[in-house]
C-alpha atoms as a PDB file:
ATOM      1  CA  MET A   1     -46.221 -56.093 -56.272  1.00  0.00           C
ATOM      2  CA  SER A   2     -45.419 -58.996 -54.057  1.00  0.00           C
ATOM      3  CA  SER A   3     -45.472 -60.405 -50.622  1.00  0.00           C
ATOM      4  CA  LEU A   4     -43.071 -62.165 -48.414  1.00  0.00           C
ATOM      5  CA  SER A   5     -43.350 -66.000 -48.860  1.00  0.00           C
ATOM      6  CA  PHE A   6     -42.616 -68.391 -45.822  1.00  0.00           C
ATOM      7  CA  VAL A   7     -41.911 -71.951 -46.573  1.00  0.00           C
ATOM      8  CA  GLY A   8     -43.384 -73.393 -43.167  1.00  0.00           C
ATOM      9  CA  ASP A   9     -40.286 -75.175 -41.993  1.00  0.00           C
ATOM     10  CA  SER A  10     -37.433 -74.392 -39.672  1.00  0.00           C
ATOM     11  CA  THR A  11     -35.275 -72.914 -42.562  1.00  0.00           C
ATOM     12  CA  SER A  12     -37.734 -70.182 -43.379  1.00  0.00           C
ATOM     13  CA  TYR A  13     -37.664 -66.943 -41.183  1.00  0.00           C
ATOM     14  CA  ILE A  14     -36.623 -63.625 -40.714  1.00  0.00           C
ATOM     15  CA  SER A  15     -34.160 -62.833 -37.905  1.00  0.00           C
ATOM     16  CA  ILE A  16     -33.435 -59.361 -36.411  1.00  0.00           C
ATOM     17  CA  SER A  17     -30.542 -58.959 -33.863  1.00  0.00           C
ATOM     18  CA  SER A  18     -31.472 -57.815 -30.483  1.00  0.00           C
ATOM     19  CA  SER A  19     -31.014 -54.061 -29.955  1.00  0.00           C
ATOM     20  CA  ASN A  20     -32.777 -50.852 -28.622  1.00  0.00           C
ATOM     21  CA  ASP A  21     -35.082 -51.310 -31.675  1.00  0.00           C
ATOM     22  CA  THR A  22     -36.484 -54.678 -30.842  1.00  0.00           C
ATOM     23  CA  LYS A  23     -36.901 -53.868 -27.089  1.00  0.00           C
ATOM     24  CA  MET A  24     -40.286 -52.195 -26.556  1.00  0.00           C
ATOM     25  CA  GLY A  25     -39.487 -51.384 -22.992  1.00  0.00           C
ATOM     26  CA  SER A  26     -42.545 -50.344 -21.025  1.00  0.00           C
ATOM     27  CA  GLY A  27     -43.851 -47.523 -23.332  1.00  0.00           C
ATOM     28  CA  ASP A  28     -46.318 -47.284 -26.266  1.00  0.00           C
ATOM     29  CA  PHE A  29     -45.833 -49.384 -29.451  1.00  0.00           C
ATOM     30  CA  THR A  30     -47.513 -50.967 -32.429  1.00  0.00           C
ATOM     31  CA  ILE A  31     -46.716 -54.261 -34.129  1.00  0.00           C
ATOM     32  CA  GLU A  32     -49.055 -54.968 -37.212  1.00  0.00           C
ATOM     33  CA  TRP A  33     -49.014 -57.286 -39.983  1.00  0.00           C
ATOM     34  CA  TYR A  34     -51.052 -58.551 -43.024  1.00  0.00           C
ATOM     35  CA  GLN A  35     -50.833 -62.562 -43.320  1.00  0.00           C
ATOM     36  CA  TYR A  36     -52.120 -65.156 -45.536  1.00  0.00           C
ATOM     37  CA  GLN A  37     -51.558 -68.295 -43.602  1.00  0.00           C
ATOM     38  CA  THR A  38     -51.065 -71.906 -45.475  1.00  0.00           C
ATOM     39  CA  ASP A  39     -49.479 -74.149 -43.089  1.00  0.00           C
ATOM     40  CA  SER A  40     -50.890 -76.795 -40.926  1.00  0.00           C
ATOM     41  CA  ASN A  41     -48.207 -76.684 -38.347  1.00  0.00           C
ATOM     42  CA  SER A  42     -48.991 -77.258 -34.427  1.00  0.00           C
ATOM     43  CA  PHE A  43     -48.246 -73.840 -33.069  1.00  0.00           C
ATOM     44  CA  PRO A  44     -46.760 -71.651 -35.761  1.00  0.00           C
ATOM     45  CA  ARG A  45     -45.104 -68.330 -34.499  1.00  0.00           C
ATOM     46  CA  ILE A  46     -46.036 -65.203 -36.178  1.00  0.00           C
ATOM     47  CA  PHE A  47     -43.210 -63.594 -34.410  1.00  0.00           C
ATOM     48  CA  GLN A  48     -41.420 -64.180 -31.013  1.00  0.00           C
ATOM     49  CA  ILE A  49     -38.653 -63.139 -28.828  1.00  0.00           C
ATOM     50  CA  GLY A  50     -37.508 -66.052 -26.713  1.00  0.00           C
ATOM     51  CA  ASN A  51     -38.985 -69.593 -26.484  1.00  0.00           C
ATOM     52  CA  TYR A  52     -42.010 -71.205 -25.147  1.00  0.00           C
ATOM     53  CA  PRO A  53     -42.667 -71.175 -22.056  1.00  0.00           C
ATOM     54  CA  SER A  54     -40.528 -68.088 -21.332  1.00  0.00           C
ATOM     55  CA  THR A  55     -41.379 -65.997 -24.258  1.00  0.00           C
ATOM     56  CA  SER A  56     -40.792 -62.182 -23.857  1.00  0.00           C
ATOM     57  CA  ILE A  57     -43.147 -61.150 -26.720  1.00  0.00           C
ATOM     58  CA  GLY A  58     -44.726 -62.940 -29.402  1.00  0.00           C
ATOM     59  CA  VAL A  59     -48.045 -64.442 -31.300  1.00  0.00           C
ATOM     60  CA  SER A  60     -48.871 -67.857 -32.056  1.00  0.00           C
ATOM     61  CA  ILE A  61     -51.725 -69.165 -33.609  1.00  0.00           C
ATOM     62  CA  GLU A  62     -52.621 -72.670 -32.505  1.00  0.00           C
ATOM     63  CA  GLY A  63     -55.650 -74.590 -33.744  1.00  0.00           C
ATOM     64  CA  GLY A  64     -57.313 -71.541 -34.916  1.00  0.00           C
ATOM     65  CA  SER A  65     -56.769 -69.742 -31.714  1.00  0.00           C
ATOM     66  CA  PHE A  66     -54.741 -66.568 -31.295  1.00  0.00           C
ATOM     67  CA  TYR A  67     -52.326 -66.464 -28.241  1.00  0.00           C
ATOM     68  CA  PHE A  68     -50.366 -62.994 -27.284  1.00  0.00           C
ATOM     69  CA  TRP A  69     -47.346 -64.270 -25.209  1.00  0.00           C
ATOM     70  CA  THR A  70     -46.036 -61.776 -22.811  1.00  0.00           C
ATOM     71  CA  ASN A  71     -43.184 -62.453 -20.422  1.00  0.00           C
ATOM     72  CA  GLY A  72     -43.874 -66.174 -19.944  1.00  0.00           C
ATOM     73  CA  SER A  73     -47.664 -66.192 -19.965  1.00  0.00           C
ATOM     74  CA  PHE A  74     -50.323 -65.511 -22.531  1.00  0.00           C
ATOM     75  CA  ARG A  75     -53.451 -63.312 -23.349  1.00  0.00           C
ATOM     76  CA  GLY A  76     -56.071 -64.284 -25.614  1.00  0.00           C
ATOM     77  CA  GLY A  77     -56.565 -68.023 -26.521  1.00  0.00           C
ATOM     78  CA  VAL A  78     -59.736 -66.681 -28.439  1.00  0.00           C
ATOM     79  CA  SER A  79     -60.824 -68.308 -31.721  1.00  0.00           C
ATOM     80  CA  VAL A  80     -60.006 -66.175 -34.879  1.00  0.00           C
ATOM     81  CA  GLY A  81     -62.419 -68.022 -36.993  1.00  0.00           C
ATOM     82  CA  SER A  82     -61.125 -69.272 -40.602  1.00  0.00           C
ATOM     83  CA  ILE A  83     -57.327 -68.506 -40.534  1.00  0.00           C
ATOM     84  CA  LYS A  84     -56.013 -70.301 -43.587  1.00  0.00           C
ATOM     85  CA  ASN A  85     -55.836 -69.092 -47.207  1.00  0.00           C
ATOM     86  CA  VAL A  86     -57.351 -65.847 -46.236  1.00  0.00           C
ATOM     87  CA  TRP A  87     -55.909 -62.404 -45.722  1.00  0.00           C
ATOM     88  CA  ILE A  88     -56.084 -61.209 -42.240  1.00  0.00           C
ATOM     89  CA  HIS A  89     -54.588 -57.953 -40.789  1.00  0.00           C
ATOM     90  CA  PHE A  90     -53.462 -57.966 -37.066  1.00  0.00           C
ATOM     91  CA  ALA A  91     -52.379 -55.262 -34.896  1.00  0.00           C
ATOM     92  CA  ILE A  92     -51.005 -55.158 -31.214  1.00  0.00           C
ATOM     93  CA  VAL A  93     -51.028 -51.633 -29.705  1.00  0.00           C
ATOM     94  CA  ARG A  94     -49.953 -50.480 -26.394  1.00  0.00           C
ATOM     95  CA  SER A  95     -51.141 -47.056 -25.484  1.00  0.00           C
ATOM     96  CA  SER A  96     -50.656 -45.639 -21.903  1.00  0.00           C
ATOM     97  CA  GLY A  97     -50.391 -49.093 -20.217  1.00  0.00           C
ATOM     98  CA  THR A  98     -53.315 -50.657 -22.104  1.00  0.00           C
ATOM     99  CA  THR A  99     -52.814 -53.102 -24.823  1.00  0.00           C
ATOM    100  CA  SER A 100     -55.384 -54.030 -27.526  1.00  0.00           C
ATOM    101  CA  ILE A 101     -55.473 -56.654 -30.194  1.00  0.00           C
ATOM    102  CA  TYR A 102     -57.190 -56.061 -33.304  1.00  0.00           C
ATOM    103  CA  LYS A 103     -58.126 -58.395 -36.193  1.00  0.00           C
ATOM    104  CA  ASN A 104     -59.249 -56.638 -39.494  1.00  0.00           C
ATOM    105  CA  GLY A 105     -59.561 -53.167 -37.464  1.00  0.00           C
ATOM    106  CA  SER A 106     -61.868 -54.631 -34.688  1.00  0.00           C
ATOM    107  CA  LEU A 107     -60.789 -55.496 -31.188  1.00  0.00           C
ATOM    108  CA  LEU A 108     -60.236 -59.411 -31.063  1.00  0.00           C
ATOM    109  CA  PHE A 109     -60.798 -59.375 -27.336  1.00  0.00           C
ATOM    110  CA  SER A 110     -60.978 -57.026 -24.439  1.00  0.00           C
ATOM    111  CA  SER A 111     -58.027 -54.414 -23.965  1.00  0.00           C
ATOM    112  CA  PHE A 112     -55.977 -55.306 -20.750  1.00  0.00           C
ATOM    113  CA  SER A 113     -53.610 -53.568 -18.634  1.00  0.00           C
ATOM    114  CA  ASP A 114     -50.115 -54.145 -19.586  1.00  0.00           C
ATOM    115  CA  SER A 115     -47.238 -52.822 -17.548  1.00  0.00           C
ATOM    116  CA  ALA A 116     -44.691 -55.355 -18.890  1.00  0.00           C
ATOM    117  CA  ASN A 117     -41.127 -54.287 -19.658  1.00  0.00           C
ATOM    118  CA  TYR A 118     -40.123 -56.048 -22.916  1.00  0.00           C
ATOM    119  CA  ASN A 119     -36.442 -55.760 -22.734  1.00  0.00           C
ATOM    120  CA  SER A 120     -35.113 -59.157 -23.644  1.00  0.00           C
ATOM    121  CA  SER A 121     -31.899 -59.373 -25.126  1.00  0.00           C
ATOM    122  CA  LEU A 122     -32.815 -62.295 -27.560  1.00  0.00           C
ATOM    123  CA  ASP A 123     -33.145 -61.868 -31.153  1.00  0.00           C
ATOM    124  CA  LEU A 124     -36.615 -61.259 -32.619  1.00  0.00           C
ATOM    125  CA  LEU A 125     -37.776 -64.081 -35.032  1.00  0.00           C
ATOM    126  CA  ILE A 126     -40.436 -63.493 -37.605  1.00  0.00           C
ATOM    127  CA  GLY A 127     -41.926 -66.906 -38.724  1.00  0.00           C
ATOM    128  CA  ASN A 128     -40.597 -69.009 -35.930  1.00  0.00           C
ATOM    129  CA  GLU A 129     -39.189 -68.729 -32.271  1.00  0.00           C
ATOM    130  CA  THR A 130     -35.708 -68.386 -31.090  1.00  0.00           C
ATOM    131  CA  THR A 131     -34.792 -72.119 -31.197  1.00  0.00           C
ATOM    132  CA  ARG A 132     -36.264 -72.841 -34.656  1.00  0.00           C
ATOM    133  CA  SER A 133     -38.505 -75.774 -35.373  1.00  0.00           C
ATOM    134  CA  ASN A 134     -40.830 -77.043 -37.997  1.00  0.00           C
ATOM    135  CA  ASN A 135     -43.941 -77.155 -35.719  1.00  0.00           C
ATOM    136  CA  ALA A 136     -43.267 -73.450 -34.779  1.00  0.00           C
ATOM    137  CA  SER A 137     -42.696 -72.466 -38.238  1.00  0.00           C
ATOM    138  CA  PHE A 138     -45.322 -69.912 -40.011  1.00  0.00           C
ATOM    139  CA  GLY A 139     -45.921 -70.966 -43.414  1.00  0.00           C
ATOM    140  CA  GLY A 140     -47.706 -68.376 -45.945  1.00  0.00           C
ATOM    141  CA  TYR A 141     -47.419 -64.789 -47.051  1.00  0.00           C
ATOM    142  CA  MET A 142     -47.050 -61.417 -45.388  1.00  0.00           C
ATOM    143  CA  ALA A 143     -47.824 -58.329 -47.320  1.00  0.00           C
ATOM    144  CA  TYR A 144     -45.774 -56.488 -44.630  1.00  0.00           C
ATOM    145  CA  PHE A 145     -44.465 -56.803 -40.954  1.00  0.00           C
ATOM    146  CA  HIS A 146     -44.346 -53.265 -39.299  1.00  0.00           C
ATOM    147  CA  ILE A 147     -42.896 -52.294 -35.688  1.00  0.00           C
ATOM    148  CA  ILE A 148     -43.421 -48.901 -34.550  1.00  0.00           C
ATOM    149  CA  LYS A 149     -41.749 -48.036 -31.132  1.00  0.00           C
ATOM    150  CA  GLY A 150     -43.076 -45.125 -28.843  1.00  0.00           C
ATOM    151  CA  GLU A 151     -46.331 -44.685 -30.819  1.00  0.00           C
ATOM    152  CA  ALA A 152     -49.833 -46.296 -30.443  1.00  0.00           C
ATOM    153  CA  LYS A 153     -50.915 -46.221 -34.280  1.00  0.00           C
ATOM    154  CA  TYR A 154     -54.580 -47.298 -33.339  1.00  0.00           C
ATOM    155  CA  THR A 155     -56.485 -46.434 -30.399  1.00  0.00           C
ATOM    156  CA  SER A 156     -59.912 -47.538 -31.365  1.00  0.00           C
ATOM    157  CA  SER A 157     -61.601 -49.764 -34.231  1.00  0.00           C
ATOM    158  CA  PHE A 158     -60.263 -48.733 -37.569  1.00  0.00           C
ATOM    159  CA  THR A 159     -60.640 -49.396 -41.281  1.00  0.00           C
ATOM    160  CA  VAL A 160     -57.501 -51.285 -42.635  1.00  0.00           C
ATOM    161  CA  SER A 161     -55.410 -49.390 -44.918  1.00  0.00           C
ATOM    162  CA  ASN A 162     -55.648 -50.795 -48.690  1.00  0.00           C
ATOM    163  CA  THR A 163     -51.964 -49.932 -49.215  1.00  0.00           C
ATOM    164  CA  PHE A 164     -48.640 -50.446 -47.381  1.00  0.00           C
ATOM    165  CA  PRO A 165     -48.305 -48.573 -44.040  1.00  0.00           C
ATOM    166  CA  THR A 166     -46.691 -45.022 -44.119  1.00  0.00           C
ATOM    167  CA  VAL A 167     -43.481 -44.842 -42.310  1.00  0.00           C
ATOM    168  CA  SER A 168     -43.834 -42.903 -39.148  1.00  0.00           C
ATOM    169  CA  ILE A 169     -41.214 -41.172 -36.849  1.00  0.00           C
ATOM    170  CA  GLY A 170     -41.424 -44.236 -34.734  1.00  0.00           C
ATOM    171  CA  THR A 171     -41.125 -46.829 -37.457  1.00  0.00           C
ATOM    172  CA  VAL A 172     -38.096 -49.198 -36.428  1.00  0.00           C
ATOM    173  CA  TYR A 173     -38.897 -51.860 -38.964  1.00  0.00           C
ATOM    174  CA  LEU A 174     -41.035 -52.266 -41.900  1.00  0.00           C
ATOM    175  CA  LEU A 175     -40.501 -55.620 -43.861  1.00  0.00           C
ATOM    176  CA  LYS A 176     -41.850 -55.989 -47.309  1.00  0.00           C
ATOM    177  CA  ALA A 177     -41.270 -58.003 -50.430  1.00  0.00           C
ATOM    178  CA  SER A 178     -39.718 -54.696 -52.138  1.00  0.00           C
ATOM    179  CA  GLY A 179     -37.277 -54.041 -49.474  1.00  0.00           C
ATOM    180  CA  ASN A 180     -36.782 -53.855 -45.698  1.00  0.00           C
ATOM    181  CA  ILE A 181     -36.558 -50.599 -43.282  1.00  0.00           C
ATOM    182  CA  GLY A 182     -34.177 -51.448 -40.153  1.00  0.00           C
ATOM    183  CA  SER A 183     -31.020 -52.782 -39.481  1.00  0.00           C
ATOM    184  CA  ASN A 184     -29.490 -56.247 -38.591  1.00  0.00           C
ATOM    185  CA  ILE A 185     -32.086 -58.173 -40.552  1.00  0.00           C
ATOM    186  CA  THR A 186     -31.180 -61.731 -41.632  1.00  0.00           C
ATOM    187  CA  VAL A 187     -33.584 -63.384 -44.190  1.00  0.00           C
ATOM    188  CA  SER A 188     -33.360 -67.124 -44.390  1.00  0.00           C
ATOM    189  CA  ASN A 189     -35.155 -68.954 -47.197  1.00  0.00           C
ATOM    190  CA  VAL A 190     -37.853 -66.305 -47.584  1.00  0.00           C
ATOM    191  CA  GLY A 191     -38.960 -65.514 -51.145  1.00  0.00           C
ATOM    192  CA  THR A 192     -41.566 -63.381 -52.727  1.00  0.00           C
ATOM    193  CA  VAL A 193     -44.868 -64.148 -54.482  1.00  0.00           C
ATOM    194  CA  SER A 194     -47.108 -62.020 -56.614  1.00  0.00           C
ATOM    195  CA  LEU A 195     -50.093 -61.878 -54.161  1.00  0.00           C
ATOM    196  CA  LEU A 196     -51.508 -59.156 -52.213  1.00  0.00           C
ATOM    197  CA  PRO A 197     -54.995 -58.440 -50.455  1.00  0.00           C
ATOM    198  CA  SER A 198     -57.457 -57.870 -53.309  1.00  0.00           C
ATOM    199  CA  GLU A 199     -58.263 -54.428 -51.847  1.00  0.00           C
ATOM    200  CA  PHE A 200     -54.756 -53.310 -52.302  1.00  0.00           C
ATOM    201  CA  ILE A 201     -54.102 -50.307 -54.479  1.00  0.00           C
ATOM    202  CA  THR A 202     -51.590 -51.343 -56.935  1.00  0.00           C
ATOM    203  CA  GLU A 203     -49.233 -48.967 -59.136  1.00  0.00           C
ATOM    204  CA  THR A 204     -50.609 -48.418 -62.411  1.00  0.00           C
ATOM    205  CA  ILE A 205     -48.910 -47.170 -65.750  1.00  0.00           C
ATOM    206  CA  PRO A 206     -50.146 -43.775 -66.641  1.00  0.00           C
ATOM    207  CA  VAL A 207     -52.063 -43.317 -69.877  1.00  0.00           C
ATOM    208  CA  LEU A 208     -50.457 -40.967 -72.089  1.00  0.00           C
ATOM    209  CA  SER A 209     -52.946 -38.465 -73.874  1.00  0.00           C
ATOM    210  CA  VAL A 210     -52.925 -38.640 -77.694  1.00  0.00           C
ATOM    211  CA  LEU A 211     -52.405 -35.270 -79.081  1.00  0.00           C
ATOM    212  CA  PRO A 212     -54.654 -34.211 -81.947  1.00  0.00           C
ATOM    213  CA  LEU A 213     -53.108 -33.796 -85.408  1.00  0.00           C
ATOM    214  CA  ARG A 214     -52.188 -30.355 -86.243  1.00  0.00           C
ATOM    215  CA  THR A 215     -53.673 -28.729 -89.458  1.00  0.00           C
ATOM    216  CA  PRO A 216     -50.852 -28.622 -92.198  1.00  0.00           C
ATOM    217  CA  ALA A 217     -49.400 -25.299 -92.353  1.00  0.00           C
ATOM    218  CA  PHE A 218     -49.920 -25.360 -96.433  1.00  0.00           C
ATOM    219  CA  SER A 219     -52.915 -26.456 -98.281  1.00  0.00           C
ATOM    220  CA  ASN A 220     -51.053 -27.820-101.378  1.00  0.00           C
ATOM    221  CA  ASN A 221     -47.848 -29.072-101.436  1.00  0.00           C
ATOM    222  CA  HIS A 222     -47.852 -30.145-105.178  1.00  0.00           C
ATOM    223  CA  LEU A 223     -46.221 -27.372-106.800  1.00  0.00           C
ATOM    224  CA  VAL A 224     -43.447 -24.913-106.162  1.00  0.00           C
ATOM    225  CA  TYR A 225     -42.543 -22.243-108.831  1.00  0.00           C
ATOM    226  CA  TYR A 226     -39.226 -20.385-108.911  1.00  0.00           C
ATOM    227  CA  LYS A 227     -39.047 -16.839-110.413  1.00  0.00           C
ATOM    228  CA  PRO A 228     -37.132 -16.950-113.514  1.00  0.00           C
ATOM    229  CA  GLY A 229     -33.613 -15.772-112.608  1.00  0.00           C
ATOM    230  CA  SER A 230     -34.021 -16.539-108.821  1.00  0.00           C
ATOM    231  CA  LEU A 231     -31.825 -19.462-109.109  1.00  0.00           C
ATOM    232  CA  SER A 232     -28.695 -18.697-110.952  1.00  0.00           C
ATOM    233  CA  SER A 233     -25.111 -19.781-110.605  1.00  0.00           C
ATOM    234  CA  THR A 234     -22.268 -17.762-111.910  1.00  0.00           C
ATOM    235  CA  SER A 235     -18.865 -19.499-112.581  1.00  0.00           C
ATOM    236  CA  GLY A 236     -16.553 -17.318-114.222  1.00  0.00           C
ATOM    237  CA  SER A 237     -18.385 -15.905-117.197  1.00  0.00           C
ATOM    238  CA  THR A 238     -20.985 -18.646-117.492  1.00  0.00           C
ATOM    239  CA  SER A 239     -24.473 -18.009-115.995  1.00  0.00           C
ATOM    240  CA  VAL A 240     -27.120 -20.630-115.571  1.00  0.00           C
ATOM    241  CA  THR A 241     -30.984 -19.734-115.023  1.00  0.00           C
ATOM    242  CA  ASN A 242     -33.528 -22.075-114.099  1.00  0.00           C
ATOM    243  CA  SER A 243     -37.168 -21.039-114.702  1.00  0.00           C
ATOM    244  CA  ARG A 244     -38.939 -24.453-115.000  1.00  0.00           C
ATOM    245  CA  ALA A 245     -41.878 -25.276-112.751  1.00  0.00           C
ATOM    246  CA  LYS A 246     -40.559 -26.791-109.473  1.00  0.00           C
ATOM    247  CA  MET A 247     -42.861 -28.051-106.391  1.00  0.00           C
ATOM    248  CA  ARG A 248     -44.484 -25.249-104.664  1.00  0.00           C
ATOM    249  CA  ARG A 249     -45.917 -24.566-101.255  1.00  0.00           C
ATOM    250  CA  THR A 250     -49.144 -22.329-101.719  1.00  0.00           C
END
């Protein structure tokens, strides 16, 4: 089992063409991902629709601080602590007009009122922004990137799942190394790496039970005797009778 691997320059990204599925509108939504960041770029974009400073929606982690971009302004700017070379789960959830952002299942900062209409006609970029650059590139790994439209998956603190997300009725995109759910997806210079969070449950090969040996049906397989006259062959007037000792099952 593997993760998506981003190089950390402008050639490495995933692009999703604009459609109703990329437009969160003004309703509920959930965007979650599991990342392992390795780059030292100035303002890497985890995902984004549009360019700074007129970003429709997106996330950047700059100098160890988390920024949630919403229609040209940002929320957050708070420290996320150690960010490099460690697995971190993030989730952005809007529920009934209130948006909450979680890090590893806990609120990263206070929830806030959010009536924005995320309706941009620009493409969604994962690992960069619309006009790609090295400074805006995310470098590292993602176990998955998941978008649910019309559903607030988390409404309070939670324990991060130790496996890949379950597809729900609102799932419009689920990107994984093993394959993608969603349409109009372009992958550029994004590979795979055999690395996942240590707590992930991976597939195991079932161990087959060894059946016990059966007791032989015969206790002595050394000798078989044929009754005189039991083996005879008649050809014309000639008869052959075999009464010698043969192998016998007792």
